[in-house]
Amino acid sequence: MNRFIRTAVCAVAVTGLTFGVGACEATEAAKDEAVDQVDKSIDEKYEVTYEVTGKSVESIEFAGGKGTAMDPKMESVKKPTLPWKKTVTLRGIMPPAVSPIGFENTADLTCKVVYKGETIKEAKGEKALLGCIAVSPIVK
């Protein structure tokens, strides 16, 4: 009898976990779809300028406007000349993002996101990886 009860309890637990995981996946998919719908409805374009200063930067990764708000396609510049500056056009709720990457800690490394002449995100540090990710300025 104990074996039967254990088997039944295990079967119920596995079934509950299966449905629970499936519900989480469905919820995540629904959230992604909702964000994509909002992103499509807010089709306004905006420009930001990324700025990176410092030394010993191997590459700079940045959102250049391709992809979606939930899955932006990052672009990269290898061995950039510093100070580095790039203006890009983004759309909807896509967040502006720039990240300088170095192989060693660097002194006075700074990244900025500038919108209409105003710095909306800035980070300073001595880390080999620094990032500036801002909220889309059109949703504020």
Protein backbone atom coordinates (compact mmCIF):
# COMPACT_ATOMS: atom_id res chain seq x y z
CA MET A 1 0.00 0.00 0.00
CA ASN A 2 2.83 2.45 0.85
CA ARG A 3 4.37 1.90 -2.58
CA PHE A 4 1.06 2.78 -4.24
CA ILE A 5 0.72 5.99 -2.19
CA ARG A 6 4.30 7.04 -2.92
CA THR A 7 3.81 6.40 -6.63
CA ALA A 8 0.56 8.40 -6.65
CA VAL A 9 2.10 11.29 -4.72
CA CYS A 10 5.11 11.36 -7.10
CA ALA A 11 2.82 11.30 -10.12
CA VAL A 12 0.77 14.21 -8.76
CA ALA A 13 3.96 16.17 -7.94
CA VAL A 14 5.43 15.63 -11.42
CA THR A 15 2.14 16.62 -13.05
CA GLY A 16 1.97 19.78 -10.92
CA LEU A 17 5.55 20.72 -11.77
CA THR A 18 4.93 20.13 -15.46
CA PHE A 19 1.86 22.36 -15.49
CA GLY A 20 3.63 24.94 -13.31
CA VAL A 21 6.64 25.17 -15.63
CA GLY A 22 4.34 25.32 -18.64
CA ALA A 23 2.40 28.16 -17.04
CA CYS A 24 5.64 30.08 -16.39
CA GLU A 25 6.68 29.66 -20.00
CA ALA A 26 3.25 30.74 -21.20
CA THR A 27 3.39 33.78 -18.91
CA GLU A 28 6.86 34.72 -20.20
CA ALA A 29 5.69 34.33 -23.82
CA ALA A 30 2.63 36.49 -23.09
CA LYS A 31 4.85 39.16 -21.52
CA ASP A 32 7.18 39.17 -24.54
CA GLU A 33 4.19 39.45 -26.88
CA ALA A 34 2.75 42.34 -24.84
CA VAL A 35 6.06 44.21 -24.93
CA ASP A 36 6.31 43.66 -28.69
CA GLN A 37 2.76 45.03 -29.12
CA VAL A 38 3.62 48.15 -27.09
CA ASP A 39 6.86 48.55 -29.04
CA LYS A 40 4.95 48.38 -32.35
CA SER A 41 2.30 50.85 -31.18
CA ILE A 42 4.93 53.36 -30.06
CA ASP A 43 6.67 53.64 -33.40
CA GLU A 44 8.29 57.00 -32.67
CA LYS A 45 11.96 57.26 -33.63
CA TYR A 46 14.54 59.08 -31.55
CA GLU A 47 18.26 59.78 -31.73
CA VAL A 48 20.82 59.29 -28.99
CA THR A 49 24.56 59.85 -28.99
CA TYR A 50 26.86 57.40 -27.24
CA GLU A 51 30.15 58.71 -25.87
CA VAL A 52 33.06 56.71 -24.45
CA THR A 53 36.25 58.20 -23.00
CA GLY A 54 39.22 56.65 -21.23
CA LYS A 55 41.95 54.29 -22.42
CA SER A 56 42.69 50.63 -23.10
CA VAL A 57 39.27 49.83 -24.60
CA GLU A 58 39.27 46.70 -26.78
CA SER A 59 35.73 47.08 -28.12
CA ILE A 60 32.47 48.95 -27.66
CA GLU A 61 29.10 47.20 -27.86
CA PHE A 62 26.02 49.34 -28.49
CA ALA A 63 22.37 49.20 -29.49
CA GLY A 64 22.29 50.54 -33.02
CA GLY A 65 18.55 50.30 -33.68
CA LYS A 66 18.25 46.80 -35.11
CA GLY A 67 16.15 44.08 -33.55
CA THR A 68 13.26 44.65 -31.14
CA ALA A 69 12.89 46.15 -27.68
CA MET A 70 12.94 42.65 -26.16
CA ASP A 71 15.78 41.44 -28.38
CA PRO A 72 17.96 44.35 -29.54
CA LYS A 73 20.78 43.42 -31.90
CA MET A 74 23.99 44.82 -30.52
CA GLU A 75 26.64 46.26 -32.82
CA SER A 76 30.35 46.33 -32.09
CA VAL A 77 33.39 48.48 -32.81
CA LYS A 78 36.77 46.80 -32.34
CA LYS A 79 39.82 48.75 -31.10
CA PRO A 80 38.08 52.15 -31.15
CA THR A 81 39.95 55.42 -31.13
CA LEU A 82 39.08 57.28 -27.92
CA PRO A 83 37.29 59.50 -27.25
CA TRP A 84 34.58 57.69 -29.24
CA LYS A 85 31.20 59.11 -30.21
CA LYS A 86 28.34 57.68 -32.28
CA THR A 87 24.80 58.90 -32.97
CA VAL A 88 22.16 56.24 -33.67
CA THR A 89 18.44 56.23 -34.36
CA LEU A 90 16.36 53.96 -32.14
CA ARG A 91 12.63 53.24 -32.20
CA GLY A 92 9.83 52.79 -29.71
CA ILE A 93 10.69 51.52 -26.27
CA MET A 94 14.08 50.13 -27.32
CA PRO A 95 16.54 51.12 -24.59
CA PRO A 96 19.71 52.97 -25.59
CA ALA A 97 22.75 51.01 -24.43
CA VAL A 98 26.53 51.31 -24.77
CA SER A 99 29.24 49.23 -23.13
CA PRO A 100 33.01 49.67 -23.48
CA ILE A 101 35.00 46.46 -22.91
CA GLY A 102 38.69 46.19 -22.02
CA PHE A 103 41.03 43.37 -21.12
CA GLU A 104 42.31 45.14 -18.05
CA ASN A 105 41.02 47.63 -15.55
CA THR A 106 41.28 51.11 -17.00
CA ALA A 107 41.53 54.48 -15.33
CA ASP A 108 38.92 57.16 -15.88
CA LEU A 109 36.67 55.11 -18.17
CA THR A 110 33.34 56.84 -18.86
CA CYS A 111 30.32 55.98 -20.98
CA LYS A 112 27.36 58.26 -21.66
CA VAL A 113 24.00 58.22 -23.40
CA VAL A 114 23.01 61.72 -24.56
CA TYR A 115 19.48 62.64 -25.74
CA LYS A 116 18.74 66.12 -27.09
CA GLY A 117 21.93 67.48 -25.50
CA GLU A 118 21.11 66.07 -22.06
CA THR A 119 22.98 63.14 -20.50
CA ILE A 120 20.32 60.56 -19.60
CA LYS A 121 22.75 57.88 -18.40
CA GLU A 122 26.40 58.01 -17.36
CA ALA A 123 28.77 55.55 -15.73
CA LYS A 124 32.35 56.04 -14.58
CA GLY A 125 34.80 53.51 -13.29
CA GLU A 126 37.97 51.55 -13.53
CA LYS A 127 36.44 48.20 -14.49
CA ALA A 128 37.27 46.22 -17.62
CA LEU A 129 33.54 46.23 -18.41
CA LEU A 130 31.35 49.30 -17.97
CA GLY A 131 27.81 49.82 -19.18
CA CYS A 132 25.27 52.55 -19.74
CA ILE A 133 21.70 51.40 -20.31
CA ALA A 134 18.93 53.99 -20.21
CA VAL A 135 15.16 53.87 -20.42
CA SER A 136 13.82 54.95 -23.81
CA PRO A 137 13.36 58.72 -23.48
CA ILE A 138 10.06 58.66 -25.36
CA VAL A 139 8.29 56.70 -22.62
CA LYS A 140 9.09 59.17 -19.84
